[in-house]
């Protein structure tokens, strides 16, 4: 396989990012849940007020650059910490390019971003039925939190619980907090945009965001 590099994604990469996201989702049987359009990716990933950062892995073949892997991550605010916490949303490498260190190189870029923004951890959720991904994260230095479970409220249960809220008004929006959040979101694309090369063996991993760190 040709040498690869990891770089920060740019708007022209959106079709490839969406293609890889669909492959990841279809691989875990959740393709029906992917609803974001190119406009959504542009707004949420590349607008100054966007909500996530993206990196791509690419190789040179047939005289051009081909994107073969991606990582996306987001900052979130934790009330007990005095800065953002980074969590990994997606990590995916096309099947025929796996076991060449590409997923690890993408992961190291995410770790570098966490260090640069002052996040004490990188958190993620990995499927219980994906032992190869679990081993990949363990080898990279991640630790499982067996005492933490992820709970989700959605669908009719969400509607039913929300319907019980009769008197409590929504809290007012804090303009200062919105401004701080926007400023933080602009920072990821200012760091770690140079090439990264690695030959470390790895397996592809697919993740979903969670809230396990307290």
N, C-alpha and C. Protein backbone atom coordinates (compact mmCIF):
# COMPACT_ATOMS: atom_id res chain seq x y z
N UNK A 1 0.83 -1.19 0.00
CA UNK A 1 0.00 0.00 0.00
C UNK A 1 0.87 1.24 0.00
N UNK A 2 0.41 2.30 -0.67
CA UNK A 2 1.14 3.56 -0.71
C UNK A 2 1.18 4.20 0.67
N UNK A 3 2.16 5.08 0.88
CA UNK A 3 2.23 5.83 2.12
C UNK A 3 0.97 6.67 2.29
N UNK A 4 0.55 6.88 3.53
CA UNK A 4 -0.65 7.67 3.78
C UNK A 4 -0.29 8.86 4.65
N UNK A 5 -1.21 9.79 4.69
CA UNK A 5 -1.05 10.92 5.61
C UNK A 5 -2.39 11.25 6.24
N UNK A 6 -2.37 11.84 7.40
CA UNK A 6 -3.56 12.29 8.11
C UNK A 6 -3.53 13.81 8.14
N UNK A 7 -4.66 14.42 7.83
CA UNK A 7 -4.76 15.88 7.84
C UNK A 7 -6.14 16.29 8.31
N UNK A 8 -6.27 17.57 8.68
CA UNK A 8 -7.59 18.11 9.01
C UNK A 8 -8.46 18.13 7.76
N UNK A 9 -9.70 17.75 7.92
CA UNK A 9 -10.63 17.76 6.79
C UNK A 9 -10.97 19.19 6.41
N UNK A 10 -11.31 19.37 5.14
CA UNK A 10 -11.75 20.66 4.60
C UNK A 10 -13.10 20.43 3.90
N UNK A 11 -13.82 21.51 3.61
CA UNK A 11 -15.17 21.33 3.04
C UNK A 11 -15.24 20.44 1.81
N UNK A 12 -14.23 20.45 0.96
CA UNK A 12 -14.31 19.61 -0.24
C UNK A 12 -14.29 18.12 0.09
N UNK A 13 -13.92 17.78 1.34
CA UNK A 13 -13.89 16.37 1.75
C UNK A 13 -15.25 15.84 2.19
N UNK A 14 -16.26 16.70 2.26
CA UNK A 14 -17.54 16.29 2.81
C UNK A 14 -18.14 15.06 2.10
N UNK A 15 -18.13 14.97 0.77
CA UNK A 15 -18.69 13.76 0.14
C UNK A 15 -17.99 12.48 0.61
N UNK A 16 -16.67 12.53 0.77
CA UNK A 16 -15.95 11.34 1.24
C UNK A 16 -16.25 11.07 2.71
N UNK A 17 -16.34 12.11 3.53
CA UNK A 17 -16.70 11.92 4.93
C UNK A 17 -18.08 11.27 5.05
N UNK A 18 -19.01 11.73 4.24
CA UNK A 18 -20.35 11.15 4.27
C UNK A 18 -20.34 9.70 3.79
N UNK A 19 -19.54 9.42 2.77
CA UNK A 19 -19.44 8.06 2.27
C UNK A 19 -18.90 7.12 3.35
N UNK A 20 -17.87 7.55 4.05
CA UNK A 20 -17.30 6.71 5.11
C UNK A 20 -18.26 6.57 6.28
N UNK A 21 -18.99 7.64 6.59
CA UNK A 21 -19.98 7.57 7.67
C UNK A 21 -21.06 6.55 7.32
N UNK A 22 -21.50 6.54 6.08
CA UNK A 22 -22.52 5.56 5.68
C UNK A 22 -21.98 4.15 5.78
N UNK A 23 -20.74 3.94 5.35
CA UNK A 23 -20.14 2.61 5.44
C UNK A 23 -20.06 2.15 6.89
N UNK A 24 -19.67 3.06 7.78
CA UNK A 24 -19.59 2.73 9.20
C UNK A 24 -20.97 2.35 9.73
N UNK A 25 -21.96 3.17 9.43
CA UNK A 25 -23.31 2.93 9.94
C UNK A 25 -23.90 1.65 9.37
N UNK A 26 -23.72 1.42 8.08
CA UNK A 26 -24.26 0.20 7.47
C UNK A 26 -23.59 -1.04 8.05
N UNK A 27 -22.32 -0.92 8.39
CA UNK A 27 -21.61 -2.06 8.96
C UNK A 27 -22.14 -2.48 10.32
N UNK A 28 -22.76 -1.54 11.02
CA UNK A 28 -23.31 -1.88 12.33
C UNK A 28 -24.84 -1.91 12.32
N UNK A 29 -25.42 -1.90 11.11
CA UNK A 29 -26.86 -2.02 11.00
C UNK A 29 -27.65 -0.78 11.38
N UNK A 30 -27.03 0.39 11.31
CA UNK A 30 -27.73 1.61 11.69
C UNK A 30 -27.74 2.63 10.56
N UNK A 31 -27.67 2.16 9.33
CA UNK A 31 -27.66 3.08 8.21
C UNK A 31 -28.90 3.94 8.14
N UNK A 32 -30.03 3.43 8.62
CA UNK A 32 -31.28 4.18 8.59
C UNK A 32 -31.22 5.42 9.48
N UNK A 33 -30.30 5.45 10.43
CA UNK A 33 -30.23 6.57 11.37
C UNK A 33 -29.38 7.73 10.86
N UNK A 34 -28.71 7.54 9.73
CA UNK A 34 -27.85 8.61 9.18
C UNK A 34 -28.72 9.51 8.33
N UNK A 35 -28.94 10.72 8.79
CA UNK A 35 -29.84 11.64 8.11
C UNK A 35 -29.15 12.93 7.68
N UNK A 36 -27.94 13.19 8.14
CA UNK A 36 -27.27 14.46 7.86
C UNK A 36 -27.00 14.62 6.36
N UNK A 37 -27.21 15.82 5.87
CA UNK A 37 -26.95 16.16 4.47
C UNK A 37 -25.59 16.86 4.36
N UNK A 38 -25.18 17.13 3.13
CA UNK A 38 -23.93 17.87 2.94
C UNK A 38 -24.01 19.24 3.60
N UNK A 39 -25.17 19.86 3.54
CA UNK A 39 -25.33 21.16 4.19
C UNK A 39 -25.16 21.05 5.70
N UNK A 40 -25.65 19.95 6.28
CA UNK A 40 -25.48 19.75 7.72
C UNK A 40 -24.01 19.58 8.07
N UNK A 41 -23.29 18.77 7.28
CA UNK A 41 -21.86 18.58 7.53
C UNK A 41 -21.10 19.89 7.39
N UNK A 42 -21.45 20.67 6.39
CA UNK A 42 -20.77 21.95 6.19
C UNK A 42 -21.00 22.88 7.37
N UNK A 43 -22.23 22.96 7.83
CA UNK A 43 -22.56 23.85 8.95
C UNK A 43 -21.94 23.35 10.25
N UNK A 44 -22.10 22.07 10.55
CA UNK A 44 -21.71 21.55 11.86
C UNK A 44 -20.23 21.23 11.98
N UNK A 45 -19.55 21.04 10.83
CA UNK A 45 -18.14 20.69 10.91
C UNK A 45 -17.18 21.77 10.47
N UNK A 46 -17.66 22.73 9.67
CA UNK A 46 -16.73 23.69 9.08
C UNK A 46 -17.13 25.15 9.27
N UNK A 47 -18.31 25.38 9.77
CA UNK A 47 -18.70 26.75 10.11
C UNK A 47 -18.01 27.14 11.41
N UNK A 48 -17.68 28.43 11.61
CA UNK A 48 -17.05 28.85 12.87
C UNK A 48 -17.82 28.44 14.12
N UNK A 49 -19.13 28.31 13.99
CA UNK A 49 -19.94 27.88 15.14
C UNK A 49 -20.24 26.39 15.10
N UNK A 50 -19.51 25.64 14.29
CA UNK A 50 -19.77 24.22 14.13
C UNK A 50 -19.53 23.41 15.39
N UNK A 51 -20.03 22.18 15.39
CA UNK A 51 -20.00 21.36 16.60
C UNK A 51 -19.00 20.23 16.61
N UNK A 52 -18.32 19.92 15.51
CA UNK A 52 -17.36 18.82 15.54
C UNK A 52 -16.16 19.12 14.66
N UNK A 53 -15.09 18.37 14.89
CA UNK A 53 -13.88 18.44 14.09
C UNK A 53 -13.72 17.13 13.34
N UNK A 54 -13.09 17.17 12.18
CA UNK A 54 -12.91 15.97 11.37
C UNK A 54 -11.49 15.90 10.82
N UNK A 55 -10.97 14.69 10.77
CA UNK A 55 -9.67 14.41 10.17
C UNK A 55 -9.85 13.29 9.15
N UNK A 56 -9.03 13.31 8.11
CA UNK A 56 -9.08 12.27 7.10
C UNK A 56 -7.70 11.66 6.91
N UNK A 57 -7.70 10.40 6.49
CA UNK A 57 -6.48 9.72 6.07
C UNK A 57 -6.58 9.52 4.57
N UNK A 58 -5.50 9.83 3.86
CA UNK A 58 -5.53 9.71 2.40
C UNK A 58 -4.24 9.11 1.89
N UNK A 59 -4.34 8.48 0.72
CA UNK A 59 -3.18 7.92 0.03
C UNK A 59 -3.18 8.44 -1.40
N UNK A 60 -2.04 8.33 -2.04
CA UNK A 60 -1.93 8.70 -3.44
C UNK A 60 -2.01 7.44 -4.28
N UNK A 61 -2.99 7.38 -5.16
CA UNK A 61 -3.13 6.25 -6.07
C UNK A 61 -3.78 6.72 -7.36
N UNK A 62 -3.37 6.12 -8.43
CA UNK A 62 -3.87 6.48 -9.76
C UNK A 62 -3.70 7.98 -10.03
N UNK A 63 -2.59 8.51 -9.53
CA UNK A 63 -2.26 9.90 -9.82
C UNK A 63 -3.03 10.93 -9.03
N UNK A 64 -3.80 10.50 -8.02
CA UNK A 64 -4.56 11.46 -7.22
C UNK A 64 -4.65 11.01 -5.77
N UNK A 65 -5.21 11.89 -4.95
CA UNK A 65 -5.37 11.59 -3.53
C UNK A 65 -6.72 10.92 -3.29
N UNK A 66 -6.70 9.83 -2.53
CA UNK A 66 -7.92 9.10 -2.21
C UNK A 66 -8.08 9.04 -0.70
N UNK A 67 -9.23 9.47 -0.21
CA UNK A 67 -9.52 9.43 1.23
C UNK A 67 -10.00 8.03 1.59
N UNK A 68 -9.35 7.43 2.59
CA UNK A 68 -9.62 6.04 2.94
C UNK A 68 -10.02 5.86 4.40
N UNK A 69 -9.97 6.91 5.18
CA UNK A 69 -10.34 6.80 6.59
C UNK A 69 -10.68 8.16 7.16
N UNK A 70 -11.35 8.15 8.30
CA UNK A 70 -11.72 9.41 8.93
C UNK A 70 -11.86 9.24 10.43
N UNK A 71 -11.75 10.36 11.13
CA UNK A 71 -12.08 10.45 12.54
C UNK A 71 -12.84 11.74 12.75
N UNK A 72 -13.91 11.69 13.54
CA UNK A 72 -14.64 12.91 13.91
C UNK A 72 -14.74 12.95 15.43
N UNK A 73 -14.66 14.14 15.98
CA UNK A 73 -14.71 14.29 17.43
C UNK A 73 -15.36 15.62 17.78
N UNK A 74 -15.88 15.71 19.00
CA UNK A 74 -16.60 16.89 19.45
C UNK A 74 -16.17 17.26 20.86
N UNK A 75 -16.25 18.54 21.16
CA UNK A 75 -16.04 19.02 22.52
C UNK A 75 -17.38 19.06 23.25
N UNK A 76 -17.35 18.75 24.53
CA UNK A 76 -18.53 18.95 25.34
C UNK A 76 -18.12 19.57 26.67
N UNK A 77 -19.07 20.15 27.33
CA UNK A 77 -18.82 20.83 28.60
C UNK A 77 -19.25 19.92 29.74
N UNK A 78 -18.38 19.76 30.73
CA UNK A 78 -18.67 18.98 31.93
C UNK A 78 -18.64 19.94 33.11
N UNK A 79 -19.66 19.91 33.92
CA UNK A 79 -19.79 20.92 34.98
C UNK A 79 -18.66 20.86 36.00
N UNK A 80 -18.04 19.69 36.18
CA UNK A 80 -16.99 19.58 37.17
C UNK A 80 -15.60 19.86 36.65
N UNK A 81 -15.48 20.21 35.37
CA UNK A 81 -14.17 20.45 34.78
C UNK A 81 -14.13 21.87 34.23
N UNK A 82 -12.96 22.50 34.26
CA UNK A 82 -12.86 23.91 33.87
C UNK A 82 -12.47 24.10 32.41
N UNK A 83 -12.87 23.19 31.57
CA UNK A 83 -12.59 23.30 30.15
C UNK A 83 -13.35 22.23 29.39
N UNK A 84 -13.13 22.14 28.08
CA UNK A 84 -13.85 21.15 27.28
C UNK A 84 -13.34 19.73 27.50
N UNK A 85 -14.20 18.78 27.22
CA UNK A 85 -13.84 17.36 27.22
C UNK A 85 -14.11 16.85 25.81
N UNK A 86 -13.16 16.10 25.26
CA UNK A 86 -13.25 15.66 23.87
C UNK A 86 -13.77 14.22 23.80
N UNK A 87 -14.74 13.99 22.95
CA UNK A 87 -15.15 12.60 22.72
C UNK A 87 -15.12 12.29 21.23
N UNK A 88 -14.78 11.06 20.97
CA UNK A 88 -14.62 10.56 19.62
C UNK A 88 -15.96 10.04 19.12
N UNK A 89 -16.44 10.60 18.03
CA UNK A 89 -17.71 10.15 17.48
C UNK A 89 -17.53 8.99 16.49
N UNK A 90 -16.62 9.16 15.54
CA UNK A 90 -16.44 8.17 14.49
C UNK A 90 -14.95 7.91 14.27
N UNK A 91 -14.63 6.66 14.08
CA UNK A 91 -13.30 6.27 13.64
C UNK A 91 -13.48 5.12 12.66
N UNK A 92 -13.08 5.34 11.41
CA UNK A 92 -13.36 4.34 10.39
C UNK A 92 -12.28 4.35 9.32
N UNK A 93 -11.86 3.15 8.92
CA UNK A 93 -10.92 2.95 7.81
C UNK A 93 -11.52 1.91 6.87
N UNK A 94 -11.48 2.18 5.59
CA UNK A 94 -12.02 1.22 4.62
C UNK A 94 -11.34 -0.13 4.79
N UNK A 95 -12.13 -1.19 4.61
CA UNK A 95 -11.68 -2.54 4.94
C UNK A 95 -10.37 -2.92 4.26
N UNK A 96 -10.21 -2.61 2.98
CA UNK A 96 -9.02 -3.08 2.26
C UNK A 96 -7.75 -2.34 2.65
N UNK A 97 -7.90 -1.26 3.46
CA UNK A 97 -6.72 -0.50 3.88
C UNK A 97 -6.41 -0.68 5.36
N UNK A 98 -7.07 -1.60 6.02
CA UNK A 98 -6.84 -1.80 7.45
C UNK A 98 -5.54 -2.55 7.71
N UNK A 99 -5.12 -2.51 8.96
CA UNK A 99 -3.91 -3.17 9.43
C UNK A 99 -2.64 -2.56 8.82
N UNK A 100 -2.68 -1.26 8.60
CA UNK A 100 -1.50 -0.52 8.15
C UNK A 100 -1.21 0.69 9.04
N UNK A 101 -1.82 0.73 10.23
CA UNK A 101 -1.57 1.82 11.15
C UNK A 101 -2.41 3.06 10.93
N UNK A 102 -3.39 2.99 10.03
CA UNK A 102 -4.14 4.20 9.68
C UNK A 102 -5.07 4.62 10.82
N UNK A 103 -5.81 3.68 11.40
CA UNK A 103 -6.71 4.03 12.50
C UNK A 103 -5.93 4.59 13.68
N UNK A 104 -4.77 4.01 13.96
CA UNK A 104 -3.96 4.52 15.07
C UNK A 104 -3.46 5.93 14.78
N UNK A 105 -3.08 6.19 13.54
CA UNK A 105 -2.63 7.53 13.18
C UNK A 105 -3.76 8.55 13.34
N UNK A 106 -4.96 8.19 12.94
CA UNK A 106 -6.11 9.06 13.15
C UNK A 106 -6.35 9.28 14.64
N UNK A 107 -6.23 8.22 15.42
CA UNK A 107 -6.45 8.32 16.86
C UNK A 107 -5.41 9.20 17.53
N UNK A 108 -4.16 9.12 17.07
CA UNK A 108 -3.12 9.97 17.66
C UNK A 108 -3.39 11.44 17.36
N UNK A 109 -3.97 11.73 16.20
CA UNK A 109 -4.31 13.12 15.90
C UNK A 109 -5.40 13.62 16.84
N UNK A 110 -6.39 12.77 17.13
CA UNK A 110 -7.44 13.15 18.08
C UNK A 110 -6.84 13.35 19.47
N UNK A 111 -5.93 12.48 19.88
CA UNK A 111 -5.28 12.64 21.18
C UNK A 111 -4.51 13.95 21.25
N UNK A 112 -3.84 14.32 20.16
CA UNK A 112 -3.10 15.57 20.13
C UNK A 112 -4.04 16.76 20.26
N UNK A 113 -5.22 16.67 19.65
CA UNK A 113 -6.21 17.74 19.77
C UNK A 113 -6.67 17.87 21.22
N UNK A 114 -6.93 16.74 21.87
CA UNK A 114 -7.35 16.77 23.27
C UNK A 114 -6.29 17.45 24.12
N UNK A 115 -5.05 17.09 23.91
CA UNK A 115 -3.95 17.73 24.65
C UNK A 115 -3.93 19.24 24.41
N UNK A 116 -4.09 19.64 23.16
CA UNK A 116 -3.97 21.06 22.80
C UNK A 116 -5.09 21.91 23.38
N UNK A 117 -6.30 21.35 23.50
CA UNK A 117 -7.42 22.14 24.02
C UNK A 117 -7.57 22.00 25.53
N UNK A 118 -6.72 21.17 26.16
CA UNK A 118 -6.77 21.00 27.60
C UNK A 118 -7.80 20.01 28.09
N UNK A 119 -8.25 19.10 27.22
CA UNK A 119 -9.19 18.07 27.65
C UNK A 119 -8.44 16.99 28.43
N UNK A 120 -8.92 16.59 29.60
CA UNK A 120 -8.20 15.60 30.40
C UNK A 120 -8.32 14.19 29.87
N UNK A 121 -9.28 13.94 29.01
CA UNK A 121 -9.52 12.60 28.48
C UNK A 121 -10.02 12.70 27.04
N UNK A 122 -9.97 11.56 26.35
CA UNK A 122 -10.76 11.33 25.14
C UNK A 122 -11.72 10.20 25.48
N UNK A 123 -12.99 10.41 25.28
CA UNK A 123 -13.96 9.37 25.61
C UNK A 123 -14.67 8.90 24.36
N UNK A 124 -15.21 7.70 24.42
CA UNK A 124 -15.91 7.11 23.27
C UNK A 124 -16.78 5.97 23.77
N UNK A 125 -17.64 5.50 22.89
CA UNK A 125 -18.41 4.28 23.12
C UNK A 125 -18.05 3.29 22.03
N UNK A 126 -17.79 2.06 22.42
CA UNK A 126 -17.53 1.01 21.45
C UNK A 126 -18.56 -0.09 21.65
N UNK A 127 -18.98 -0.69 20.56
CA UNK A 127 -20.02 -1.72 20.63
C UNK A 127 -19.53 -2.93 21.42
N UNK A 128 -20.43 -3.49 22.20
CA UNK A 128 -20.09 -4.67 23.01
C UNK A 128 -19.77 -5.87 22.15
N UNK A 129 -20.31 -5.90 20.90
CA UNK A 129 -20.08 -7.04 20.03
C UNK A 129 -18.94 -6.78 19.03
N UNK A 130 -18.06 -5.85 19.36
CA UNK A 130 -16.91 -5.54 18.49
C UNK A 130 -15.62 -5.70 19.28
N UNK A 131 -15.22 -6.95 19.58
CA UNK A 131 -14.02 -7.16 20.41
C UNK A 131 -12.74 -6.66 19.76
N UNK A 132 -12.65 -6.69 18.43
CA UNK A 132 -11.42 -6.21 17.78
C UNK A 132 -11.25 -4.71 18.01
N UNK A 133 -12.34 -3.96 17.96
CA UNK A 133 -12.25 -2.53 18.24
C UNK A 133 -11.89 -2.29 19.70
N UNK A 134 -12.45 -3.08 20.60
CA UNK A 134 -12.12 -2.94 22.01
C UNK A 134 -10.63 -3.18 22.24
N UNK A 135 -10.06 -4.20 21.59
CA UNK A 135 -8.63 -4.48 21.74
C UNK A 135 -7.80 -3.35 21.15
N UNK A 136 -8.25 -2.77 20.05
CA UNK A 136 -7.53 -1.64 19.45
C UNK A 136 -7.42 -0.49 20.45
N UNK A 137 -8.53 -0.16 21.11
CA UNK A 137 -8.50 0.94 22.06
C UNK A 137 -7.67 0.61 23.29
N UNK A 138 -7.74 -0.62 23.75
CA UNK A 138 -6.92 -1.02 24.89
C UNK A 138 -5.43 -0.89 24.55
N UNK A 139 -5.05 -1.33 23.35
CA UNK A 139 -3.65 -1.21 22.95
C UNK A 139 -3.21 0.25 22.82
N UNK A 140 -4.16 1.13 22.49
CA UNK A 140 -3.84 2.55 22.36
C UNK A 140 -3.76 3.25 23.71
N UNK A 141 -4.17 2.56 24.79
CA UNK A 141 -4.07 3.15 26.12
C UNK A 141 -5.40 3.50 26.77
N UNK A 142 -6.51 3.27 26.08
CA UNK A 142 -7.82 3.54 26.67
C UNK A 142 -8.11 2.54 27.79
N UNK A 143 -8.95 2.95 28.73
CA UNK A 143 -9.37 2.08 29.82
C UNK A 143 -10.89 2.00 29.83
N UNK A 144 -11.45 0.81 29.97
CA UNK A 144 -12.91 0.71 30.07
C UNK A 144 -13.38 1.20 31.43
N UNK A 145 -14.62 1.67 31.48
CA UNK A 145 -15.24 2.10 32.74
C UNK A 145 -16.41 1.16 33.03
N UNK A 146 -16.13 0.01 33.63
CA UNK A 146 -17.19 -1.00 33.82
C UNK A 146 -18.30 -0.53 34.74
N UNK A 147 -18.03 0.48 35.57
CA UNK A 147 -19.05 0.96 36.50
C UNK A 147 -19.98 1.99 35.86
N UNK A 148 -19.74 2.34 34.58
CA UNK A 148 -20.57 3.33 33.90
C UNK A 148 -21.40 2.67 32.80
N UNK A 149 -22.65 3.07 32.70
CA UNK A 149 -23.54 2.61 31.65
C UNK A 149 -24.08 3.81 30.88
N UNK A 150 -24.33 3.64 29.60
CA UNK A 150 -24.93 4.69 28.79
C UNK A 150 -26.43 4.45 28.69
N UNK A 151 -27.21 5.46 29.05
CA UNK A 151 -28.65 5.39 28.94
C UNK A 151 -29.12 6.41 27.91
N UNK A 152 -30.15 6.07 27.16
CA UNK A 152 -30.69 6.95 26.13
C UNK A 152 -32.19 7.07 26.33
N UNK A 153 -32.69 8.29 26.26
CA UNK A 153 -34.12 8.55 26.31
C UNK A 153 -34.54 9.05 24.94
N UNK A 154 -35.46 8.35 24.29
CA UNK A 154 -35.84 8.74 22.94
C UNK A 154 -37.23 8.24 22.59
N UNK A 155 -37.67 8.61 21.39
CA UNK A 155 -38.93 8.13 20.87
C UNK A 155 -40.12 8.51 21.74
N UNK A 156 -41.04 7.57 21.91
CA UNK A 156 -42.25 7.85 22.67
C UNK A 156 -41.95 8.10 24.15
N UNK A 157 -40.89 7.45 24.67
CA UNK A 157 -40.53 7.67 26.07
C UNK A 157 -40.09 9.11 26.31
N UNK A 158 -39.34 9.66 25.35
CA UNK A 158 -38.94 11.06 25.45
C UNK A 158 -40.16 11.98 25.40
N UNK A 159 -41.06 11.71 24.46
CA UNK A 159 -42.26 12.53 24.36
C UNK A 159 -43.12 12.45 25.60
N UNK A 160 -43.24 11.24 26.17
CA UNK A 160 -44.07 11.06 27.35
C UNK A 160 -43.51 11.80 28.55
N UNK A 161 -42.20 11.73 28.73
CA UNK A 161 -41.59 12.42 29.87
C UNK A 161 -41.65 13.93 29.69
N UNK A 162 -41.39 14.40 28.48
CA UNK A 162 -41.45 15.84 28.22
C UNK A 162 -42.86 16.39 28.43
N UNK A 163 -43.85 15.58 28.13
CA UNK A 163 -45.24 16.03 28.28
C UNK A 163 -45.62 16.25 29.74
N UNK A 164 -44.85 15.69 30.66
CA UNK A 164 -45.14 15.88 32.08
C UNK A 164 -44.64 17.22 32.61
N UNK A 165 -43.85 17.94 31.81
CA UNK A 165 -43.32 19.23 32.23
C UNK A 165 -44.37 20.30 31.97
N UNK A 166 -45.11 20.66 33.00
CA UNK A 166 -46.24 21.58 32.84
C UNK A 166 -45.92 23.01 33.23
N UNK A 167 -44.99 23.21 34.16
CA UNK A 167 -44.81 24.53 34.73
C UNK A 167 -43.42 25.10 34.57
N UNK A 168 -42.41 24.25 34.42
CA UNK A 168 -41.03 24.75 34.42
C UNK A 168 -40.69 25.34 33.07
N UNK A 169 -40.41 26.64 33.01
CA UNK A 169 -40.02 27.25 31.73
C UNK A 169 -38.60 26.87 31.35
N UNK A 170 -38.30 26.95 30.07
CA UNK A 170 -36.94 26.69 29.61
C UNK A 170 -36.02 27.77 30.16
N UNK A 171 -34.79 27.42 30.57
CA UNK A 171 -33.86 28.43 31.09
C UNK A 171 -33.48 29.41 30.00
N UNK A 172 -33.22 30.65 30.36
CA UNK A 172 -32.80 31.63 29.35
C UNK A 172 -31.44 31.31 28.78
N UNK A 173 -31.24 31.66 27.53
CA UNK A 173 -29.95 31.44 26.89
C UNK A 173 -28.94 32.42 27.44
N UNK A 174 -27.77 31.93 27.79
CA UNK A 174 -26.68 32.77 28.30
C UNK A 174 -25.79 33.17 27.13
N UNK A 175 -25.85 34.43 26.67
CA UNK A 175 -25.05 34.83 25.50
C UNK A 175 -23.56 34.61 25.70
N UNK A 176 -23.06 34.82 26.93
CA UNK A 176 -21.63 34.64 27.18
C UNK A 176 -21.23 33.18 27.00
N UNK A 177 -22.09 32.27 27.45
CA UNK A 177 -21.78 30.84 27.31
C UNK A 177 -21.78 30.44 25.85
N UNK A 178 -22.73 30.99 25.07
CA UNK A 178 -22.77 30.70 23.63
C UNK A 178 -21.51 31.19 22.96
N UNK A 179 -21.04 32.39 23.34
CA UNK A 179 -19.82 32.94 22.74
C UNK A 179 -18.62 32.09 23.08
N UNK A 180 -18.52 31.62 24.34
CA UNK A 180 -17.39 30.78 24.73
C UNK A 180 -17.41 29.47 23.98
N UNK A 181 -18.60 28.88 23.81
CA UNK A 181 -18.72 27.63 23.09
C UNK A 181 -18.29 27.80 21.64
N UNK A 182 -18.71 28.90 21.02
CA UNK A 182 -18.33 29.15 19.63
C UNK A 182 -16.83 29.32 19.50
N UNK A 183 -16.22 30.01 20.46
CA UNK A 183 -14.77 30.21 20.40
C UNK A 183 -14.03 28.90 20.52
N UNK A 184 -14.51 28.01 21.41
CA UNK A 184 -13.84 26.72 21.56
C UNK A 184 -13.93 25.90 20.28
N UNK A 185 -15.08 25.97 19.61
CA UNK A 185 -15.27 25.14 18.41
C UNK A 185 -14.38 25.58 17.27
N UNK A 186 -13.94 26.81 17.31
CA UNK A 186 -13.10 27.28 16.22
C UNK A 186 -11.67 26.78 16.35
N UNK A 187 -11.26 26.37 17.56
CA UNK A 187 -9.87 26.03 17.78
C UNK A 187 -9.37 24.75 17.15
N UNK A 188 -10.20 23.66 17.07
CA UNK A 188 -9.63 22.39 16.60
C UNK A 188 -8.93 22.46 15.27
N UNK A 189 -9.39 23.27 14.33
CA UNK A 189 -8.80 23.28 13.01
C UNK A 189 -7.54 24.11 12.93
N UNK A 190 -7.09 24.65 14.10
CA UNK A 190 -5.86 25.42 14.11
C UNK A 190 -4.67 24.58 14.54
N UNK A 191 -4.90 23.33 14.93
CA UNK A 191 -3.79 22.52 15.43
C UNK A 191 -3.79 21.17 14.77
N UNK A 192 -2.60 20.59 14.69
CA UNK A 192 -2.47 19.22 14.22
C UNK A 192 -2.90 19.00 12.81
N UNK A 193 -2.59 19.88 11.86
CA UNK A 193 -3.05 19.69 10.49
C UNK A 193 -1.98 19.13 9.58
N UNK A 194 -0.78 18.89 10.09
CA UNK A 194 0.30 18.37 9.26
C UNK A 194 0.17 16.89 9.05
N UNK A 195 0.99 16.29 8.17
CA UNK A 195 0.88 14.87 7.87
C UNK A 195 1.37 14.00 9.01
N UNK A 196 0.74 12.85 9.15
CA UNK A 196 1.14 11.85 10.12
C UNK A 196 1.30 10.53 9.40
N UNK A 197 2.39 9.81 9.67
CA UNK A 197 2.61 8.51 9.05
C UNK A 197 2.86 7.50 10.15
N UNK A 198 2.37 6.29 9.93
CA UNK A 198 2.53 5.24 10.91
C UNK A 198 2.46 3.90 10.22
N UNK A 199 3.10 2.90 10.79
CA UNK A 199 3.00 1.54 10.25
C UNK A 199 2.47 0.60 11.30
N UNK A 200 1.92 1.13 12.41
CA UNK A 200 1.40 0.31 13.50
C UNK A 200 0.17 -0.45 13.05
N UNK A 201 0.10 -1.74 13.40
CA UNK A 201 -1.04 -2.56 13.03
C UNK A 201 -2.26 -2.14 13.83
N UNK A 202 -3.43 -2.17 13.23
CA UNK A 202 -4.66 -1.83 13.92
C UNK A 202 -5.85 -2.42 13.21
N UNK A 203 -6.97 -2.40 13.87
CA UNK A 203 -8.23 -2.82 13.25
C UNK A 203 -9.16 -1.64 13.22
N UNK A 204 -10.09 -1.63 12.28
CA UNK A 204 -11.02 -0.52 12.19
C UNK A 204 -11.94 -0.52 13.38
N UNK A 205 -12.34 0.66 13.80
CA UNK A 205 -13.22 0.79 14.96
C UNK A 205 -14.38 1.71 14.63
N UNK A 206 -15.56 1.37 15.14
CA UNK A 206 -16.71 2.23 14.92
C UNK A 206 -17.30 2.60 16.26
N UNK A 207 -17.66 3.87 16.42
CA UNK A 207 -18.04 4.40 17.71
C UNK A 207 -19.26 5.27 17.60
N UNK A 208 -19.86 5.50 18.77
CA UNK A 208 -20.93 6.46 18.89
C UNK A 208 -20.65 7.30 20.12
N UNK A 209 -21.10 8.56 20.14
CA UNK A 209 -20.83 9.38 21.30
C UNK A 209 -21.54 8.87 22.54
N UNK A 210 -20.95 9.11 23.70
CA UNK A 210 -21.57 8.73 24.95
C UNK A 210 -21.22 9.76 26.01
N UNK A 211 -21.81 9.60 27.16
CA UNK A 211 -21.51 10.49 28.29
C UNK A 211 -21.20 9.62 29.49
N UNK A 212 -19.96 9.15 29.59
CA UNK A 212 -19.59 8.23 30.66
C UNK A 212 -18.70 8.89 31.68
N UNK A 213 -18.06 10.00 31.33
CA UNK A 213 -17.12 10.61 32.26
C UNK A 213 -17.85 11.57 33.16
N UNK A 214 -17.62 11.49 34.41
CA UNK A 214 -18.29 12.38 35.35
C UNK A 214 -17.26 13.21 36.11
